[in-house]
Structure formats: C-alpha cells, structure tokens
C-alpha cells in the first residue's frame, strides 16, 4: 500500500472513532470539521507545515495536552492517517477541483434530506485564521461574495442582521450548496501565489528522536509523552 493512498473506508472509520473517543479532548475536531480545516489550509494563500496545523485539531484544550495516545506507534498511525487525509484533499484539488466534495453532514428536516455544513465551515474558518491576514486579498476582491457563505456558517460571530440569512435548515442547506460550487474559484484565486506541493507522510513525519518535541503538540519531549515505554504507562 502506498503511503499517499486515499483513506479506505476502514481507515476513515478508524480515524473518526479515535477523534470521538475519550482519549481525545472533548473539543477535538470531528471528521467533518477536520475536513473543512484541512481544506482551508490546502487552498489557502500560504503553505503551512504539519507541526503548526496539527495541534489545533485536538481543540483548544488539546493544543497543550494532546491526545492520550497509548504508545508511539498509535501516535504515528493517527498522525499518518490525518496526513493522508490532507494529501487526499490536496491531490483532488490539484487534479480535479470541480470534483472536490466537502464532507458535509446530512440530516432530515420536514421529510427532506438537507446538508448541514456548519461543522465543516467552522473547521474551514479555523484553518483560515491560521493565516488570516494572508486571506485578506480575496475579501477585498470581486470574489469576496464567494466567501460570504463560509463566513455565515463558520465564523465565531456574525452581525445580528445576518442571522436571518442562515437561521433555518433550508437556508443553511442552500448556503452549503453555494459553498461547494464556490470552492474551485477560491482555490484558483490563490493558486498563483501558492507553490504546488503534495504533502507526503514521509516528509511531514520524520523519525522523532527521544529528546525531540513530541509531534502530538503536547510540548513535552517525545520520550516522556507518546514515545514513553508502553509497559511503564
């Protein structure tokens, strides 16, 4: 199996279950939020290295504590799955951006199946905030309206008079459809200034030394965190 191969259904479920497990902080991202977050990083104006974008996945509390990995192999496994998830997004956007599908949730409302993009958009906005100033050009361009649905569903705060634009499931569903159609144009806007590079697990996750900082984002040395002897934990 190639390291940059897309996640299988089994691997997707494995990552999903880990993020929802009690070994992750309560505010860790879910799969739809993670997909939105990684998408913003993938199409944004600047390349961001894994050591910077990984810790926020575990939530505000997780950026200091990190997940409770059982051992170093589990840490490498989960971070490897997340890296491949990111790689899958990058490859799809580069090869077939019009075929890219955001990982929106679905729910039933008055007998209809509607899209719920709020979690995905929240993740996207978190990714955007990593380089907020660098995103300014698109908000100041003629493509600014393309960002508005993302702002409505993803920003922590919106204007009170804007609530009426997304205050029921049907309106939110229409915004989700707009977002999906807008993403290729947003991706194209920043393409000239973003160097083309596919993330690979080998490059993003070098072998961690015992005295290096742990890649989970805890701030501790690897030997005292995920690299500790499982038998001693």
C-alpha atoms as a PDB file:
ATOM      1  CA  UNK A   1       0.000   0.000   0.000  1.00  0.00           C
ATOM      2  CA  UNK A   2       1.378   3.436  -0.952  1.00  0.00           C
ATOM      3  CA  UNK A   3       1.709   5.962   1.816  1.00  0.00           C
ATOM      4  CA  UNK A   4      -0.167   8.637  -0.147  1.00  0.00           C
ATOM      5  CA  UNK A   5      -3.102   6.381  -0.985  1.00  0.00           C
ATOM      6  CA  UNK A   6      -6.525   7.822  -0.027  1.00  0.00           C
ATOM      7  CA  UNK A   7      -8.023   6.567   3.206  1.00  0.00           C
ATOM      8  CA  UNK A   8     -10.045   3.402   2.869  1.00  0.00           C
ATOM      9  CA  UNK A   9     -13.488   3.265   4.471  1.00  0.00           C
ATOM     10  CA  UNK A  10     -11.979   1.232   7.298  1.00  0.00           C
ATOM     11  CA  UNK A  11      -9.223   3.787   7.887  1.00  0.00           C
ATOM     12  CA  UNK A  12     -11.719   6.643   7.714  1.00  0.00           C
ATOM     13  CA  UNK A  13     -13.794   4.945  10.406  1.00  0.00           C
ATOM     14  CA  UNK A  14     -10.676   4.299  12.476  1.00  0.00           C
ATOM     15  CA  UNK A  15      -9.743   7.989  12.478  1.00  0.00           C
ATOM     16  CA  UNK A  16     -13.352   9.002  13.091  1.00  0.00           C
ATOM     17  CA  UNK A  17     -13.618   6.715  16.112  1.00  0.00           C
ATOM     18  CA  UNK A  18     -10.321   7.945  17.539  1.00  0.00           C
ATOM     19  CA  UNK A  19     -11.377  11.609  17.293  1.00  0.00           C
ATOM     20  CA  UNK A  20     -14.649  10.777  19.058  1.00  0.00           C
ATOM     21  CA  UNK A  21     -13.017   8.596  21.713  1.00  0.00           C
ATOM     22  CA  UNK A  22     -12.324   9.636  25.283  1.00  0.00           C
ATOM     23  CA  UNK A  23      -8.603   9.595  24.502  1.00  0.00           C
ATOM     24  CA  UNK A  24      -9.084  12.886  22.643  1.00  0.00           C
ATOM     25  CA  UNK A  25     -10.072  16.149  24.341  1.00  0.00           C
ATOM     26  CA  UNK A  26     -13.810  16.842  24.283  1.00  0.00           C
ATOM     27  CA  UNK A  27     -13.304  19.752  21.885  1.00  0.00           C
ATOM     28  CA  UNK A  28     -11.195  17.810  19.375  1.00  0.00           C
ATOM     29  CA  UNK A  29     -12.343  18.181  15.774  1.00  0.00           C
ATOM     30  CA  UNK A  30     -14.770  15.692  14.271  1.00  0.00           C
ATOM     31  CA  UNK A  31     -14.240  14.351  10.753  1.00  0.00           C
ATOM     32  CA  UNK A  32     -16.400  16.968   9.011  1.00  0.00           C
ATOM     33  CA  UNK A  33     -14.701  19.788  10.937  1.00  0.00           C
ATOM     34  CA  UNK A  34     -11.280  18.287  10.232  1.00  0.00           C
ATOM     35  CA  UNK A  35     -12.062  18.094   6.508  1.00  0.00           C
ATOM     36  CA  UNK A  36     -13.052  21.760   6.429  1.00  0.00           C
ATOM     37  CA  UNK A  37      -9.960  22.735   8.416  1.00  0.00           C
ATOM     38  CA  UNK A  38      -7.586  20.837   6.139  1.00  0.00           C
ATOM     39  CA  UNK A  39      -9.348  22.196   3.040  1.00  0.00           C
ATOM     40  CA  UNK A  40      -8.739  25.795   4.127  1.00  0.00           C
ATOM     41  CA  UNK A  41      -5.064  25.016   4.679  1.00  0.00           C
ATOM     42  CA  UNK A  42      -4.827  23.229   1.322  1.00  0.00           C
ATOM     43  CA  UNK A  43      -6.371  26.040  -0.743  1.00  0.00           C
ATOM     44  CA  UNK A  44      -5.119  28.967   1.319  1.00  0.00           C
ATOM     45  CA  UNK A  45      -2.528  31.561   0.292  1.00  0.00           C
ATOM     46  CA  UNK A  46       0.455  30.055   2.130  1.00  0.00           C
ATOM     47  CA  UNK A  47       1.860  26.608   2.790  1.00  0.00           C
ATOM     48  CA  UNK A  48       1.640  25.673   6.463  1.00  0.00           C
ATOM     49  CA  UNK A  49       3.754  22.893   7.941  1.00  0.00           C
ATOM     50  CA  UNK A  50       2.228  19.984   9.846  1.00  0.00           C
ATOM     51  CA  UNK A  51       3.796  20.899  13.241  1.00  0.00           C
ATOM     52  CA  UNK A  52       1.779  24.139  13.151  1.00  0.00           C
ATOM     53  CA  UNK A  53      -1.551  22.864  11.868  1.00  0.00           C
ATOM     54  CA  UNK A  54      -1.670  19.575  13.785  1.00  0.00           C
ATOM     55  CA  UNK A  55      -2.145  20.783  17.428  1.00  0.00           C
ATOM     56  CA  UNK A  56      -5.395  22.755  16.804  1.00  0.00           C
ATOM     57  CA  UNK A  57      -7.042  19.525  15.651  1.00  0.00           C
ATOM     58  CA  UNK A  58      -7.122  18.408  19.272  1.00  0.00           C
ATOM     59  CA  UNK A  59      -9.094  21.531  20.270  1.00  0.00           C
ATOM     60  CA  UNK A  60      -8.140  24.455  22.476  1.00  0.00           C
ATOM     61  CA  UNK A  61      -7.515  22.175  25.427  1.00  0.00           C
ATOM     62  CA  UNK A  62      -5.775  19.641  23.206  1.00  0.00           C
ATOM     63  CA  UNK A  63      -3.160  22.085  21.949  1.00  0.00           C
ATOM     64  CA  UNK A  64      -1.453  21.855  25.326  1.00  0.00           C
ATOM     65  CA  UNK A  65      -2.310  18.322  26.442  1.00  0.00           C
ATOM     66  CA  UNK A  66      -2.704  16.473  23.154  1.00  0.00           C
ATOM     67  CA  UNK A  67      -4.470  13.120  22.768  1.00  0.00           C
ATOM     68  CA  UNK A  68      -3.850  10.322  25.207  1.00  0.00           C
ATOM     69  CA  UNK A  69      -2.058   8.028  22.766  1.00  0.00           C
ATOM     70  CA  UNK A  70      -1.464   4.515  24.065  1.00  0.00           C
ATOM     71  CA  UNK A  71       2.066   4.422  22.634  1.00  0.00           C
ATOM     72  CA  UNK A  72       4.322   5.854  19.936  1.00  0.00           C
ATOM     73  CA  UNK A  73       3.008   3.523  17.229  1.00  0.00           C
ATOM     74  CA  UNK A  74      -0.545   4.728  17.765  1.00  0.00           C
ATOM     75  CA  UNK A  75       0.624   8.341  17.600  1.00  0.00           C
ATOM     76  CA  UNK A  76       2.393   7.685  14.303  1.00  0.00           C
ATOM     77  CA  UNK A  77      -0.633   5.781  12.993  1.00  0.00           C
ATOM     78  CA  UNK A  78      -3.170   8.527  13.734  1.00  0.00           C
ATOM     79  CA  UNK A  79      -0.946  11.373  12.563  1.00  0.00           C
ATOM     80  CA  UNK A  80      -0.224   9.343   9.437  1.00  0.00           C
ATOM     81  CA  UNK A  81      -3.954   8.952   8.731  1.00  0.00           C
ATOM     82  CA  UNK A  82      -4.519  12.686   9.202  1.00  0.00           C
ATOM     83  CA  UNK A  83      -1.606  13.466   6.854  1.00  0.00           C
ATOM     84  CA  UNK A  84      -3.030  11.153   4.197  1.00  0.00           C
ATOM     85  CA  UNK A  85      -6.448  12.761   4.656  1.00  0.00           C
ATOM     86  CA  UNK A  86      -4.792  16.122   3.942  1.00  0.00           C
ATOM     87  CA  UNK A  87      -2.898  14.674   0.992  1.00  0.00           C
ATOM     88  CA  UNK A  88      -6.129  13.333  -0.494  1.00  0.00           C
ATOM     89  CA  UNK A  89      -7.646  16.831  -0.339  1.00  0.00           C
ATOM     90  CA  UNK A  90      -4.596  18.426  -1.974  1.00  0.00           C
ATOM     91  CA  UNK A  91      -4.435  15.878  -4.793  1.00  0.00           C
ATOM     92  CA  UNK A  92      -8.154  16.165  -5.597  1.00  0.00           C
ATOM     93  CA  UNK A  93      -7.985  19.963  -5.682  1.00  0.00           C
ATOM     94  CA  UNK A  94      -4.933  19.929  -7.924  1.00  0.00           C
ATOM     95  CA  UNK A  95      -6.093  17.209 -10.307  1.00  0.00           C
ATOM     96  CA  UNK A  96      -9.887  17.655 -10.401  1.00  0.00           C
ATOM     97  CA  UNK A  97     -11.026  20.688  -8.347  1.00  0.00           C
ATOM     98  CA  UNK A  98     -14.539  20.561  -9.800  1.00  0.00           C
ATOM     99  CA  UNK A  99     -14.925  17.024  -8.425  1.00  0.00           C
ATOM    100  CA  UNK A 100     -13.981  18.055  -4.901  1.00  0.00           C
ATOM    101  CA  UNK A 101     -16.762  17.324  -2.401  1.00  0.00           C
ATOM    102  CA  UNK A 102     -16.799  18.910   1.064  1.00  0.00           C
ATOM    103  CA  UNK A 103     -17.543  16.437   3.830  1.00  0.00           C
ATOM    104  CA  UNK A 104     -20.872  17.946   4.872  1.00  0.00           C
ATOM    105  CA  UNK A 105     -23.214  16.198   7.271  1.00  0.00           C
ATOM    106  CA  UNK A 106     -26.806  15.395   6.325  1.00  0.00           C
ATOM    107  CA  UNK A 107     -29.976  15.491   8.384  1.00  0.00           C
ATOM    108  CA  UNK A 108     -33.685  15.036   7.909  1.00  0.00           C
ATOM    109  CA  UNK A 109     -35.931  18.093   8.032  1.00  0.00           C
ATOM    110  CA  UNK A 110     -39.645  18.032   7.219  1.00  0.00           C
ATOM    111  CA  UNK A 111     -39.257  14.859   5.185  1.00  0.00           C
ATOM    112  CA  UNK A 112     -36.261  16.101   3.185  1.00  0.00           C
ATOM    113  CA  UNK A 113     -32.566  15.280   3.424  1.00  0.00           C
ATOM    114  CA  UNK A 114     -30.654  18.528   3.853  1.00  0.00           C
ATOM    115  CA  UNK A 115     -26.957  19.367   4.045  1.00  0.00           C
ATOM    116  CA  UNK A 116     -25.524  20.631   7.308  1.00  0.00           C
ATOM    117  CA  UNK A 117     -22.244  22.420   6.574  1.00  0.00           C
ATOM    118  CA  UNK A 118     -21.843  24.259   9.872  1.00  0.00           C
ATOM    119  CA  UNK A 119     -19.214  21.918  11.362  1.00  0.00           C
ATOM    120  CA  UNK A 120     -17.252  21.825   8.089  1.00  0.00           C
ATOM    121  CA  UNK A 121     -17.359  25.621   7.800  1.00  0.00           C
ATOM    122  CA  UNK A 122     -16.275  26.064  11.404  1.00  0.00           C
ATOM    123  CA  UNK A 123     -13.231  23.938  10.625  1.00  0.00           C
ATOM    124  CA  UNK A 124     -12.573  25.893   7.438  1.00  0.00           C
ATOM    125  CA  UNK A 125     -12.669  29.152   9.366  1.00  0.00           C
ATOM    126  CA  UNK A 126     -10.222  27.755  11.929  1.00  0.00           C
ATOM    127  CA  UNK A 127      -7.836  26.926   9.083  1.00  0.00           C
ATOM    128  CA  UNK A 128      -8.299  30.369   7.554  1.00  0.00           C
ATOM    129  CA  UNK A 129      -7.483  32.002  10.900  1.00  0.00           C
ATOM    130  CA  UNK A 130      -4.014  30.416  10.842  1.00  0.00           C
ATOM    131  CA  UNK A 131      -3.170  32.941   8.098  1.00  0.00           C
ATOM    132  CA  UNK A 132      -6.000  35.459   8.410  1.00  0.00           C
ATOM    133  CA  UNK A 133      -4.049  38.437   7.053  1.00  0.00           C
ATOM    134  CA  UNK A 134      -2.922  36.467   4.002  1.00  0.00           C
ATOM    135  CA  UNK A 135      -6.579  35.764   3.144  1.00  0.00           C
ATOM    136  CA  UNK A 136      -7.407  39.490   3.013  1.00  0.00           C
ATOM    137  CA  UNK A 137      -6.861  39.839  -0.760  1.00  0.00           C
ATOM    138  CA  UNK A 138      -9.821  37.616  -1.634  1.00  0.00           C
ATOM    139  CA  UNK A 139     -12.091  39.523   0.753  1.00  0.00           C
ATOM    140  CA  UNK A 140     -11.025  42.728  -0.991  1.00  0.00           C
ATOM    141  CA  UNK A 141     -11.507  41.321  -4.490  1.00  0.00           C
ATOM    142  CA  UNK A 142     -14.517  40.816  -6.730  1.00  0.00           C
ATOM    143  CA  UNK A 143     -14.647  37.235  -5.414  1.00  0.00           C
ATOM    144  CA  UNK A 144     -15.476  38.377  -1.885  1.00  0.00           C
ATOM    145  CA  UNK A 145     -19.130  37.212  -2.234  1.00  0.00           C
ATOM    146  CA  UNK A 146     -17.843  33.636  -2.630  1.00  0.00           C
ATOM    147  CA  UNK A 147     -16.504  33.787   0.929  1.00  0.00           C
ATOM    148  CA  UNK A 148     -19.726  35.061   2.471  1.00  0.00           C
ATOM    149  CA  UNK A 149     -21.482  31.665   2.894  1.00  0.00           C
ATOM    150  CA  UNK A 150     -18.333  30.327   4.588  1.00  0.00           C
ATOM    151  CA  UNK A 151     -18.332  33.308   6.900  1.00  0.00           C
ATOM    152  CA  UNK A 152     -22.021  32.947   7.748  1.00  0.00           C
ATOM    153  CA  UNK A 153     -21.718  29.279   8.731  1.00  0.00           C
ATOM    154  CA  UNK A 154     -18.160  29.234  10.039  1.00  0.00           C
ATOM    155  CA  UNK A 155     -17.257  32.453  11.797  1.00  0.00           C
ATOM    156  CA  UNK A 156     -17.458  32.572  15.587  1.00  0.00           C
ATOM    157  CA  UNK A 157     -19.528  35.748  15.426  1.00  0.00           C
ATOM    158  CA  UNK A 158     -21.617  37.322  12.668  1.00  0.00           C
ATOM    159  CA  UNK A 159     -23.643  40.508  12.588  1.00  0.00           C
ATOM    160  CA  UNK A 160     -27.116  40.305  14.126  1.00  0.00           C
ATOM    161  CA  UNK A 161     -28.790  41.359  10.892  1.00  0.00           C
ATOM    162  CA  UNK A 162     -27.052  38.477   9.102  1.00  0.00           C
ATOM    163  CA  UNK A 163     -28.642  35.794  11.264  1.00  0.00           C
ATOM    164  CA  UNK A 164     -31.739  35.837   9.068  1.00  0.00           C
ATOM    165  CA  UNK A 165     -29.612  34.525   6.180  1.00  0.00           C
ATOM    166  CA  UNK A 166     -28.953  31.188   7.915  1.00  0.00           C
ATOM    167  CA  UNK A 167     -31.489  30.865  10.719  1.00  0.00           C
ATOM    168  CA  UNK A 168     -33.222  27.701   9.489  1.00  0.00           C
ATOM    169  CA  UNK A 169     -32.095  24.363   7.972  1.00  0.00           C
ATOM    170  CA  UNK A 170     -33.363  25.182   4.480  1.00  0.00           C
ATOM    171  CA  UNK A 171     -31.348  28.401   4.271  1.00  0.00           C
ATOM    172  CA  UNK A 172     -28.292  26.645   5.696  1.00  0.00           C
ATOM    173  CA  UNK A 173     -28.709  23.890   3.072  1.00  0.00           C
ATOM    174  CA  UNK A 174     -28.703  26.472   0.257  1.00  0.00           C
ATOM    175  CA  UNK A 175     -25.559  28.054   1.685  1.00  0.00           C
ATOM    176  CA  UNK A 176     -23.894  24.619   1.713  1.00  0.00           C
ATOM    177  CA  UNK A 177     -24.666  24.164  -1.990  1.00  0.00           C
ATOM    178  CA  UNK A 178     -23.208  27.604  -2.717  1.00  0.00           C
ATOM    179  CA  UNK A 179     -20.040  26.747  -0.805  1.00  0.00           C
ATOM    180  CA  UNK A 180     -19.478  23.560  -2.784  1.00  0.00           C
ATOM    181  CA  UNK A 181     -19.785  25.415  -6.088  1.00  0.00           C
ATOM    182  CA  UNK A 182     -17.588  28.310  -4.866  1.00  0.00           C
ATOM    183  CA  UNK A 183     -14.606  26.280  -3.661  1.00  0.00           C
ATOM    184  CA  UNK A 184     -12.952  25.728  -7.087  1.00  0.00           C
ATOM    185  CA  UNK A 185     -12.902  29.501  -7.673  1.00  0.00           C
ATOM    186  CA  UNK A 186     -11.481  30.172  -4.213  1.00  0.00           C
ATOM    187  CA  UNK A 187      -8.829  27.537  -4.865  1.00  0.00           C
ATOM    188  CA  UNK A 188      -7.980  29.130  -8.215  1.00  0.00           C
ATOM    189  CA  UNK A 189      -7.666  32.615  -6.711  1.00  0.00           C
ATOM    190  CA  UNK A 190      -4.697  31.717  -4.516  1.00  0.00           C
ATOM    191  CA  UNK A 191      -3.113  29.177  -6.868  1.00  0.00           C
ATOM    192  CA  UNK A 192      -0.598  31.602  -8.467  1.00  0.00           C
ATOM    193  CA  UNK A 193       0.954  32.518  -5.118  1.00  0.00           C
ATOM    194  CA  UNK A 194       0.935  29.068  -3.541  1.00  0.00           C
ATOM    195  CA  UNK A 195       3.681  26.711  -4.586  1.00  0.00           C
ATOM    196  CA  UNK A 196       2.378  23.369  -5.774  1.00  0.00           C
ATOM    197  CA  UNK A 197       3.430  20.623  -3.404  1.00  0.00           C
ATOM    198  CA  UNK A 198       1.774  17.354  -2.403  1.00  0.00           C
ATOM    199  CA  UNK A 199       2.195  16.518   1.265  1.00  0.00           C
ATOM    200  CA  UNK A 200       3.599  13.072   1.889  1.00  0.00           C
ATOM    201  CA  UNK A 201       3.711  11.191   5.129  1.00  0.00           C
ATOM    202  CA  UNK A 202       7.451  10.573   4.820  1.00  0.00           C
ATOM    203  CA  UNK A 203       8.301  14.255   4.549  1.00  0.00           C
ATOM    204  CA  UNK A 204       5.813  15.507   7.104  1.00  0.00           C
ATOM    205  CA  UNK A 205       6.556  12.932   9.783  1.00  0.00           C
ATOM    206  CA  UNK A 206      10.296  12.335  10.071  1.00  0.00           C
ATOM    207  CA  UNK A 207      11.515   9.883  12.657  1.00  0.00           C
ATOM    208  CA  UNK A 208      11.118  11.518  16.065  1.00  0.00           C
ATOM    209  CA  UNK A 209      14.156  11.437  18.341  1.00  0.00           C
ATOM    210  CA  UNK A 210      13.766  10.587  22.001  1.00  0.00           C
ATOM    211  CA  UNK A 211      14.716  14.124  23.025  1.00  0.00           C
ATOM    212  CA  UNK A 212      12.742  15.880  20.290  1.00  0.00           C
ATOM    213  CA  UNK A 213       9.444  17.614  20.991  1.00  0.00           C
ATOM    214  CA  UNK A 214       6.540  15.197  20.649  1.00  0.00           C
ATOM    215  CA  UNK A 215       4.643  15.619  17.323  1.00  0.00           C
ATOM    216  CA  UNK A 216       1.284  15.392  19.097  1.00  0.00           C
ATOM    217  CA  UNK A 217       1.652  19.022  20.160  1.00  0.00           C
ATOM    218  CA  UNK A 218       1.901  18.481  23.910  1.00  0.00           C
ATOM    219  CA  UNK A 219       5.122  20.452  24.198  1.00  0.00           C
ATOM    220  CA  UNK A 220       6.765  17.567  26.063  1.00  0.00           C
ATOM    221  CA  UNK A 221       9.784  15.589  24.949  1.00  0.00           C
ATOM    222  CA  UNK A 222       8.845  12.569  22.860  1.00  0.00           C
ATOM    223  CA  UNK A 223      10.382  10.140  25.370  1.00  0.00           C
ATOM    224  CA  UNK A 224       8.131  11.495  28.120  1.00  0.00           C
ATOM    225  CA  UNK A 225       4.967  11.591  26.015  1.00  0.00           C
ATOM    226  CA  UNK A 226       3.944   9.337  23.097  1.00  0.00           C
ATOM    227  CA  UNK A 227       7.406   7.786  22.962  1.00  0.00           C
ATOM    228  CA  UNK A 228       7.299   6.543  26.534  1.00  0.00           C
ATOM    229  CA  UNK A 229       7.629   2.800  27.088  1.00  0.00           C
ATOM    230  CA  UNK A 230       4.046   1.426  26.961  1.00  0.00           C
ATOM    231  CA  UNK A 231       4.888  -1.043  29.707  1.00  0.00           C
ATOM    232  CA  UNK A 232       5.771   1.816  32.012  1.00  0.00           C
ATOM    233  CA  UNK A 233       2.494   3.696  31.396  1.00  0.00           C
END
